[in-house]
C-alpha atoms as a PDB file:
ATOM      1  CA  MET A   1      22.723 -14.095   5.517  1.00  0.00           C
ATOM      2  CA  LEU A   2      24.750 -13.420   8.628  1.00  0.00           C
ATOM      3  CA  ALA A   3      24.962 -16.189  11.215  1.00  0.00           C
ATOM      4  CA  ASN A   4      23.446 -15.829  14.674  1.00  0.00           C
ATOM      5  CA  HIS A   5      25.183 -16.892  17.883  1.00  0.00           C
ATOM      6  CA  ALA A   6      22.649 -18.341  20.297  1.00  0.00           C
ATOM      7  CA  ALA A   7      22.051 -20.820  23.106  1.00  0.00           C
ATOM      8  CA  PRO A   8      18.764 -22.460  24.192  1.00  0.00           C
ATOM      9  CA  ALA A   9      17.016 -20.645  27.029  1.00  0.00           C
ATOM     10  CA  SER A  10      16.498 -23.987  28.782  1.00  0.00           C
ATOM     11  CA  CYS A  11      20.286 -24.481  29.029  1.00  0.00           C
ATOM     12  CA  VAL A  12      20.798 -20.937  30.290  1.00  0.00           C
ATOM     13  CA  GLN A  13      18.122 -21.452  32.951  1.00  0.00           C
ATOM     14  CA  ALA A  14      19.515 -24.796  34.093  1.00  0.00           C
ATOM     15  CA  ALA A  15      23.010 -23.320  34.339  1.00  0.00           C
ATOM     16  CA  ALA A  16      21.779 -20.422  36.443  1.00  0.00           C
ATOM     17  CA  ASP A  17      19.253 -22.249  38.643  1.00  0.00           C
ATOM     18  CA  LEU A  18      20.813 -25.691  39.140  1.00  0.00           C
ATOM     19  CA  VAL A  19      24.509 -25.163  38.547  1.00  0.00           C
ATOM     20  CA  GLY A  20      24.475 -21.807  40.329  1.00  0.00           C
ATOM     21  CA  ALA A  21      26.650 -20.415  37.540  1.00  0.00           C
ATOM     22  CA  VAL A  22      26.886 -17.137  35.695  1.00  0.00           C
ATOM     23  CA  PRO A  23      26.101 -18.311  32.132  1.00  0.00           C
ATOM     24  CA  MET A  24      28.301 -16.788  29.447  1.00  0.00           C
ATOM     25  CA  LEU A  25      27.817 -17.321  25.716  1.00  0.00           C
ATOM     26  CA  LEU A  26      30.873 -18.301  23.686  1.00  0.00           C
ATOM     27  CA  PRO A  27      30.540 -17.201  20.042  1.00  0.00           C
ATOM     28  CA  ALA A  28      31.556 -19.724  17.408  1.00  0.00           C
ATOM     29  CA  LEU A  29      34.739 -18.015  16.225  1.00  0.00           C
ATOM     30  CA  GLY A  30      36.361 -21.030  14.593  1.00  0.00           C
ATOM     31  CA  ASN A  31      40.129 -20.842  14.372  1.00  0.00           C
ATOM     32  CA  ALA A  32      40.045 -17.261  15.670  1.00  0.00           C
ATOM     33  CA  ALA A  33      38.991 -18.437  19.146  1.00  0.00           C
ATOM     34  CA  ASP A  34      41.762 -18.001  21.735  1.00  0.00           C
ATOM     35  CA  ILE A  35      41.228 -21.245  23.637  1.00  0.00           C
ATOM     36  CA  ASP A  36      43.972 -20.682  26.204  1.00  0.00           C
ATOM     37  CA  ALA A  37      42.707 -17.211  27.062  1.00  0.00           C
ATOM     38  CA  LEU A  38      39.149 -18.497  27.439  1.00  0.00           C
ATOM     39  CA  LEU A  39      40.027 -21.431  29.674  1.00  0.00           C
ATOM     40  CA  MET A  40      42.025 -19.217  32.028  1.00  0.00           C
ATOM     41  CA  ARG A  41      38.740 -17.502  32.910  1.00  0.00           C
ATOM     42  CA  LEU A  42      36.335 -20.446  33.134  1.00  0.00           C
ATOM     43  CA  ASP A  43      35.168 -22.916  35.757  1.00  0.00           C
ATOM     44  CA  GLY A  44      33.059 -25.125  33.491  1.00  0.00           C
ATOM     45  CA  ILE A  45      31.844 -25.702  29.949  1.00  0.00           C
ATOM     46  CA  LEU A  46      28.292 -26.598  28.896  1.00  0.00           C
ATOM     47  CA  LEU A  47      28.085 -27.733  25.269  1.00  0.00           C
ATOM     48  CA  THR A  48      24.554 -27.350  23.946  1.00  0.00           C
ATOM     49  CA  GLY A  49      22.596 -29.095  21.231  1.00  0.00           C
ATOM     50  CA  SER A  50      22.143 -27.668  17.742  1.00  0.00           C
ATOM     51  CA  ARG A  51      20.423 -28.466  14.453  1.00  0.00           C
ATOM     52  CA  SER A  52      23.800 -28.487  12.709  1.00  0.00           C
ATOM     53  CA  MET A  53      25.999 -31.570  12.308  1.00  0.00           C
ATOM     54  CA  ILE A  54      29.749 -31.935  12.825  1.00  0.00           C
ATOM     55  CA  ASN A  55      31.742 -31.825   9.598  1.00  0.00           C
ATOM     56  CA  PRO A  56      32.625 -35.499   8.857  1.00  0.00           C
ATOM     57  CA  ALA A  57      36.157 -34.455   7.899  1.00  0.00           C
ATOM     58  CA  HIS A  58      36.886 -34.292  11.641  1.00  0.00           C
ATOM     59  CA  TYR A  59      36.358 -38.043  12.028  1.00  0.00           C
ATOM     60  CA  GLY A  60      37.264 -39.383   8.593  1.00  0.00           C
ATOM     61  CA  GLY A  61      33.688 -39.847   7.393  1.00  0.00           C
ATOM     62  CA  PRO A  62      32.233 -39.264   3.914  1.00  0.00           C
ATOM     63  CA  PRO A  63      30.679 -35.860   3.150  1.00  0.00           C
ATOM     64  CA  HIS A  64      27.161 -35.246   4.398  1.00  0.00           C
ATOM     65  CA  ARG A  65      24.233 -35.604   2.029  1.00  0.00           C
ATOM     66  CA  PRO A  66      23.173 -32.372   0.284  1.00  0.00           C
ATOM     67  CA  GLY A  67      21.118 -30.160   2.567  1.00  0.00           C
ATOM     68  CA  VAL A  68      22.523 -31.435   5.882  1.00  0.00           C
ATOM     69  CA  PRO A  69      23.417 -28.332   7.947  1.00  0.00           C
ATOM     70  CA  GLN A  70      27.011 -27.954   9.117  1.00  0.00           C
ATOM     71  CA  ASP A  71      28.633 -25.328  11.324  1.00  0.00           C
ATOM     72  CA  ASP A  72      32.356 -25.264  10.661  1.00  0.00           C
ATOM     73  CA  ALA A  73      32.841 -22.220  12.891  1.00  0.00           C
ATOM     74  CA  ARG A  74      31.361 -24.093  15.851  1.00  0.00           C
ATOM     75  CA  ASP A  75      33.474 -27.173  15.059  1.00  0.00           C
ATOM     76  CA  GLY A  76      36.571 -24.989  14.967  1.00  0.00           C
ATOM     77  CA  THR A  77      35.749 -23.629  18.411  1.00  0.00           C
ATOM     78  CA  THR A  78      34.353 -26.577  20.348  1.00  0.00           C
ATOM     79  CA  LEU A  79      36.647 -29.406  19.270  1.00  0.00           C
ATOM     80  CA  PRO A  80      39.919 -27.805  20.425  1.00  0.00           C
ATOM     81  CA  LEU A  81      38.070 -26.322  23.415  1.00  0.00           C
ATOM     82  CA  ILE A  82      36.995 -29.803  24.560  1.00  0.00           C
ATOM     83  CA  ARG A  83      40.484 -31.263  24.196  1.00  0.00           C
ATOM     84  CA  ALA A  84      42.052 -28.431  26.160  1.00  0.00           C
ATOM     85  CA  ALA A  85      39.376 -28.440  28.870  1.00  0.00           C
ATOM     86  CA  VAL A  86      39.633 -32.197  29.446  1.00  0.00           C
ATOM     87  CA  ALA A  87      43.430 -31.961  29.592  1.00  0.00           C
ATOM     88  CA  ARG A  88      43.196 -29.207  32.233  1.00  0.00           C
ATOM     89  CA  GLY A  89      40.465 -30.865  34.272  1.00  0.00           C
ATOM     90  CA  ILE A  90      37.880 -28.143  33.610  1.00  0.00           C
ATOM     91  CA  PRO A  91      34.401 -29.679  34.074  1.00  0.00           C
ATOM     92  CA  VAL A  92      32.482 -30.405  30.867  1.00  0.00           C
ATOM     93  CA  LEU A  93      28.800 -31.281  30.422  1.00  0.00           C
ATOM     94  CA  ALA A  94      28.042 -32.110  26.783  1.00  0.00           C
ATOM     95  CA  ILE A  95      24.462 -32.386  25.489  1.00  0.00           C
ATOM     96  CA  CYS A  96      23.234 -33.779  22.122  1.00  0.00           C
ATOM     97  CA  ARG A  97      25.547 -32.194  19.504  1.00  0.00           C
ATOM     98  CA  GLY A  98      27.889 -31.483  22.381  1.00  0.00           C
ATOM     99  CA  PHE A  99      27.857 -35.199  23.254  1.00  0.00           C
ATOM    100  CA  GLN A 100      28.880 -36.016  19.683  1.00  0.00           C
ATOM    101  CA  GLU A 101      31.522 -33.270  19.772  1.00  0.00           C
ATOM    102  CA  LEU A 102      33.008 -34.778  22.937  1.00  0.00           C
ATOM    103  CA  ASN A 103      33.436 -38.114  21.173  1.00  0.00           C
ATOM    104  CA  VAL A 104      34.826 -36.647  17.945  1.00  0.00           C
ATOM    105  CA  ALA A 105      37.177 -34.226  19.728  1.00  0.00           C
ATOM    106  CA  LEU A 106      38.752 -37.114  21.633  1.00  0.00           C
ATOM    107  CA  GLY A 107      39.180 -39.397  18.614  1.00  0.00           C
ATOM    108  CA  GLY A 108      35.822 -41.119  18.050  1.00  0.00           C
ATOM    109  CA  SER A 109      33.528 -41.198  15.013  1.00  0.00           C
ATOM    110  CA  LEU A 110      29.815 -40.885  14.224  1.00  0.00           C
ATOM    111  CA  HIS A 111      27.040 -42.657  12.356  1.00  0.00           C
ATOM    112  CA  GLN A 112      25.711 -39.938  10.052  1.00  0.00           C
ATOM    113  CA  SER A 113      22.169 -41.349   9.891  1.00  0.00           C
ATOM    114  CA  LEU A 114      20.882 -43.773  12.502  1.00  0.00           C
ATOM    115  CA  THR A 115      17.777 -44.480  10.435  1.00  0.00           C
ATOM    116  CA  ASP A 116      20.004 -46.080   7.760  1.00  0.00           C
ATOM    117  CA  LEU A 117      21.185 -48.715  10.234  1.00  0.00           C
ATOM    118  CA  PRO A 118      19.067 -51.890  10.472  1.00  0.00           C
ATOM    119  CA  GLY A 119      17.244 -52.460  13.730  1.00  0.00           C
ATOM    120  CA  ARG A 120      17.638 -48.923  15.069  1.00  0.00           C
ATOM    121  CA  LEU A 121      14.870 -46.937  16.729  1.00  0.00           C
ATOM    122  CA  ASP A 122      13.663 -43.674  15.215  1.00  0.00           C
ATOM    123  CA  HIS A 123      15.608 -41.290  17.453  1.00  0.00           C
ATOM    124  CA  ALA A 124      14.344 -38.059  15.911  1.00  0.00           C
ATOM    125  CA  PRO A 125      10.843 -36.542  16.117  1.00  0.00           C
ATOM    126  CA  THR A 126       9.198 -35.107  13.035  1.00  0.00           C
ATOM    127  CA  ASP A 127       9.550 -31.432  12.224  1.00  0.00           C
ATOM    128  CA  GLN A 128       5.807 -31.075  12.759  1.00  0.00           C
ATOM    129  CA  ASP A 129       6.020 -32.039  16.436  1.00  0.00           C
ATOM    130  CA  GLY A 130       5.469 -29.179  18.874  1.00  0.00           C
ATOM    131  CA  SER A 131       8.078 -28.389  21.513  1.00  0.00           C
ATOM    132  CA  GLU A 132       6.330 -30.333  24.285  1.00  0.00           C
ATOM    133  CA  GLN A 133       5.876 -33.388  22.079  1.00  0.00           C
ATOM    134  CA  ARG A 134       9.340 -33.062  20.584  1.00  0.00           C
ATOM    135  CA  PHE A 135      11.033 -33.350  23.990  1.00  0.00           C
ATOM    136  CA  ALA A 136       8.679 -35.928  25.507  1.00  0.00           C
ATOM    137  CA  LYS A 137      10.136 -39.142  26.905  1.00  0.00           C
ATOM    138  CA  ALA A 138      10.775 -41.459  23.964  1.00  0.00           C
ATOM    139  CA  HIS A 139      12.606 -44.600  25.102  1.00  0.00           C
ATOM    140  CA  ASP A 140      14.531 -46.206  27.937  1.00  0.00           C
ATOM    141  CA  VAL A 141      18.292 -46.347  28.314  1.00  0.00           C
ATOM    142  CA  MET A 142      20.263 -48.929  30.260  1.00  0.00           C
ATOM    143  CA  LEU A 143      22.687 -47.307  32.686  1.00  0.00           C
ATOM    144  CA  THR A 144      26.101 -48.907  33.142  1.00  0.00           C
ATOM    145  CA  LYS A 145      26.324 -50.517  36.578  1.00  0.00           C
ATOM    146  CA  GLY A 146      28.910 -48.760  38.687  1.00  0.00           C
ATOM    147  CA  GLY A 147      28.958 -45.780  36.331  1.00  0.00           C
ATOM    148  CA  LEU A 148      28.372 -42.130  37.157  1.00  0.00           C
ATOM    149  CA  LEU A 149      24.728 -42.046  36.014  1.00  0.00           C
ATOM    150  CA  HIS A 150      23.977 -45.282  37.861  1.00  0.00           C
ATOM    151  CA  GLY A 151      25.391 -43.694  40.989  1.00  0.00           C
ATOM    152  CA  LEU A 152      23.439 -40.467  40.522  1.00  0.00           C
ATOM    153  CA  SER A 153      20.118 -42.211  39.916  1.00  0.00           C
ATOM    154  CA  GLY A 154      20.410 -45.416  41.935  1.00  0.00           C
ATOM    155  CA  ARG A 155      18.749 -47.145  38.956  1.00  0.00           C
ATOM    156  CA  THR A 156      19.852 -49.329  36.077  1.00  0.00           C
ATOM    157  CA  THR A 157      17.374 -47.819  33.582  1.00  0.00           C
ATOM    158  CA  ALA A 158      16.051 -44.354  32.835  1.00  0.00           C
ATOM    159  CA  ARG A 159      13.489 -42.875  30.461  1.00  0.00           C
ATOM    160  CA  VAL A 160      14.822 -40.138  28.167  1.00  0.00           C
ATOM    161  CA  ASN A 161      13.784 -37.896  25.298  1.00  0.00           C
ATOM    162  CA  SER A 162      15.318 -38.372  21.854  1.00  0.00           C
ATOM    163  CA  VAL A 163      15.989 -35.556  19.386  1.00  0.00           C
ATOM    164  CA  HIS A 164      18.943 -36.617  17.225  1.00  0.00           C
ATOM    165  CA  TYR A 165      19.647 -38.028  13.770  1.00  0.00           C
ATOM    166  CA  GLN A 166      23.273 -39.020  14.272  1.00  0.00           C
ATOM    167  CA  GLY A 167      24.998 -41.063  16.951  1.00  0.00           C
ATOM    168  CA  ILE A 168      28.309 -42.474  18.101  1.00  0.00           C
ATOM    169  CA  ASP A 169      29.926 -45.118  15.902  1.00  0.00           C
ATOM    170  CA  ARG A 170      33.464 -45.620  17.249  1.00  0.00           C
ATOM    171  CA  VAL A 171      33.833 -44.578  20.879  1.00  0.00           C
ATOM    172  CA  ALA A 172      36.915 -42.495  21.675  1.00  0.00           C
ATOM    173  CA  ALA A 173      39.493 -44.546  23.569  1.00  0.00           C
ATOM    174  CA  CYS A 174      39.389 -42.342  26.669  1.00  0.00           C
ATOM    175  CA  LEU A 175      35.585 -42.528  26.976  1.00  0.00           C
ATOM    176  CA  GLU A 176      33.536 -45.085  28.882  1.00  0.00           C
ATOM    177  CA  VAL A 177      29.936 -45.823  27.940  1.00  0.00           C
ATOM    178  CA  GLU A 178      27.461 -44.690  30.604  1.00  0.00           C
ATOM    179  CA  ALA A 179      24.144 -45.535  28.925  1.00  0.00           C
ATOM    180  CA  VAL A 180      22.840 -47.459  25.890  1.00  0.00           C
ATOM    181  CA  ALA A 181      19.437 -47.477  24.183  1.00  0.00           C
ATOM    182  CA  PRO A 182      17.621 -50.802  23.572  1.00  0.00           C
ATOM    183  CA  ASP A 183      18.789 -50.744  19.922  1.00  0.00           C
ATOM    184  CA  GLY A 184      22.453 -50.446  20.913  1.00  0.00           C
ATOM    185  CA  THR A 185      22.765 -46.693  20.314  1.00  0.00           C
ATOM    186  CA  ILE A 186      25.209 -45.165  22.793  1.00  0.00           C
ATOM    187  CA  GLU A 187      23.375 -42.537  24.827  1.00  0.00           C
ATOM    188  CA  ALA A 188      25.924 -41.328  27.408  1.00  0.00           C
ATOM    189  CA  VAL A 189      29.687 -41.362  27.924  1.00  0.00           C
ATOM    190  CA  ARG A 190      32.214 -40.012  30.397  1.00  0.00           C
ATOM    191  CA  VAL A 191      35.941 -39.413  30.258  1.00  0.00           C
ATOM    192  CA  HIS A 192      37.755 -42.213  32.058  1.00  0.00           C
ATOM    193  CA  GLY A 193      40.779 -41.339  34.148  1.00  0.00           C
ATOM    194  CA  GLY A 194      40.537 -37.627  33.397  1.00  0.00           C
ATOM    195  CA  ARG A 195      41.512 -34.824  35.746  1.00  0.00           C
ATOM    196  CA  GLY A 196      37.950 -33.542  36.095  1.00  0.00           C
ATOM    197  CA  PHE A 197      34.232 -34.100  35.481  1.00  0.00           C
ATOM    198  CA  ALA A 198      33.489 -34.742  31.782  1.00  0.00           C
ATOM    199  CA  LEU A 199      30.077 -36.248  30.941  1.00  0.00           C
ATOM    200  CA  GLY A 200      28.147 -36.360  27.689  1.00  0.00           C
ATOM    201  CA  VAL A 201      24.490 -37.323  27.182  1.00  0.00           C
ATOM    202  CA  GLN A 202      22.704 -37.709  23.845  1.00  0.00           C
ATOM    203  CA  TRP A 203      19.345 -36.636  25.272  1.00  0.00           C
ATOM    204  CA  HIS A 204      18.267 -33.206  26.602  1.00  0.00           C
ATOM    205  CA  PRO A 205      18.201 -33.054  30.427  1.00  0.00           C
ATOM    206  CA  GLU A 206      17.813 -29.271  30.276  1.00  0.00           C
ATOM    207  CA  THR A 207      14.197 -29.647  29.095  1.00  0.00           C
ATOM    208  CA  ASP A 208      12.842 -31.578  32.097  1.00  0.00           C
ATOM    209  CA  TRP A 209      15.143 -31.048  35.094  1.00  0.00           C
ATOM    210  CA  ASN A 210      12.283 -29.416  37.025  1.00  0.00           C
ATOM    211  CA  HIS A 211      10.417 -32.734  37.185  1.00  0.00           C
ATOM    212  CA  ASP A 212      12.929 -35.467  36.259  1.00  0.00           C
ATOM    213  CA  ASP A 213      15.228 -36.633  39.052  1.00  0.00           C
ATOM    214  CA  LEU A 214      18.115 -37.866  36.884  1.00  0.00           C
ATOM    215  CA  SER A 215      18.119 -34.710  34.747  1.00  0.00           C
ATOM    216  CA  ARG A 216      18.321 -32.570  37.879  1.00  0.00           C
ATOM    217  CA  ARG A 217      21.098 -34.699  39.360  1.00  0.00           C
ATOM    218  CA  ILE A 218      23.163 -34.439  36.161  1.00  0.00           C
ATOM    219  CA  PHE A 219      23.200 -30.651  36.423  1.00  0.00           C
ATOM    220  CA  GLU A 220      23.798 -30.765  40.171  1.00  0.00           C
ATOM    221  CA  ALA A 221      26.814 -33.055  39.678  1.00  0.00           C
ATOM    222  CA  PHE A 222      28.152 -30.667  37.045  1.00  0.00           C
ATOM    223  CA  GLY A 223      27.540 -27.804  39.458  1.00  0.00           C
ATOM    224  CA  ASP A 224      29.471 -29.552  42.226  1.00  0.00           C
ATOM    225  CA  ALA A 225      32.424 -29.916  39.850  1.00  0.00           C
ATOM    226  CA  VAL A 226      32.172 -26.294  38.701  1.00  0.00           C
ATOM    227  CA  HIS A 227      32.147 -24.975  42.260  1.00  0.00           C
ATOM    228  CA  GLY A 228      35.115 -27.161  43.097  1.00  0.00           C
ATOM    229  CA  ARG A 229      37.229 -24.923  40.860  1.00  0.00           C
ATOM    230  CA  GLU A 230      39.231 -21.990  42.242  1.00  0.00           C
ATOM    231  CA  VAL A 231      37.109 -19.138  43.584  1.00  0.00           C
ATOM    232  CA  GLY A 232      37.208 -15.937  41.581  1.00  0.00           C
ATOM    233  CA  ALA A 233      37.057 -17.201  37.997  1.00  0.00           C
ATOM    234  CA  PRO A 234      33.942 -16.638  35.847  1.00  0.00           C
ATOM    235  CA  ALA A 235      31.564 -19.519  36.417  1.00  0.00           C
ATOM    236  CA  GLU A 236      30.654 -20.972  33.046  1.00  0.00           C
ATOM    237  CA  LEU A 237      30.997 -20.964  29.291  1.00  0.00           C
ATOM    238  CA  MET A 238      28.399 -22.263  26.845  1.00  0.00           C
ATOM    239  CA  ALA A 239      29.396 -23.177  23.319  1.00  0.00           C
ATOM    240  CA  ALA A 240      26.707 -21.915  20.976  1.00  0.00           C
ATOM    241  CA  ASP A 241      25.575 -22.424  17.402  1.00  0.00           C
END
């Protein structure tokens, strides 16, 4: 069966309405993707969530259990794309799988199954949950004092949704933790000392930005960074499944 290249409508809408961008879909071309040519034409990168998991070979982990979906073509596109974008100061907002990609691309690793770790919350809804229930607020996160999210919200805690099976294990050296769940799961990171905006969140702010203040402010901050780029370049790229 041929693969489909797609992005969630909620991400497209947030990019258009809040970021004020022209959303463009980046197909997962793997090693065939011309990263330099793409980044010459972009003002920002939004990395979306996905049901697929990053191939553990990229962070030195054991193979996934049978049946765990992978997307090697996406890995081959997004990981070098992230490294190049961060190096050039092109704004990056990374969500869910994108959040994990940000960490892996910059040298971090992942827990392949949070439910196998003692004392962890259940971070993933059941497959039977409807869309509204699936993306409902699930738990609090503690925001790092003095961090970007703390500054955006003016709060030290926030309530977020939770739709993920994996999570950060070793944090990449150039990343700073922005938020942590009560069970110690890292929920947000940002690039420290980088040339531009680079934020990753494990939850899905694109599903509730129309009524959640922090979710809206995350996209607005990304939008401010995008519009700070040179005028005349295409506005945005979204890495898809």
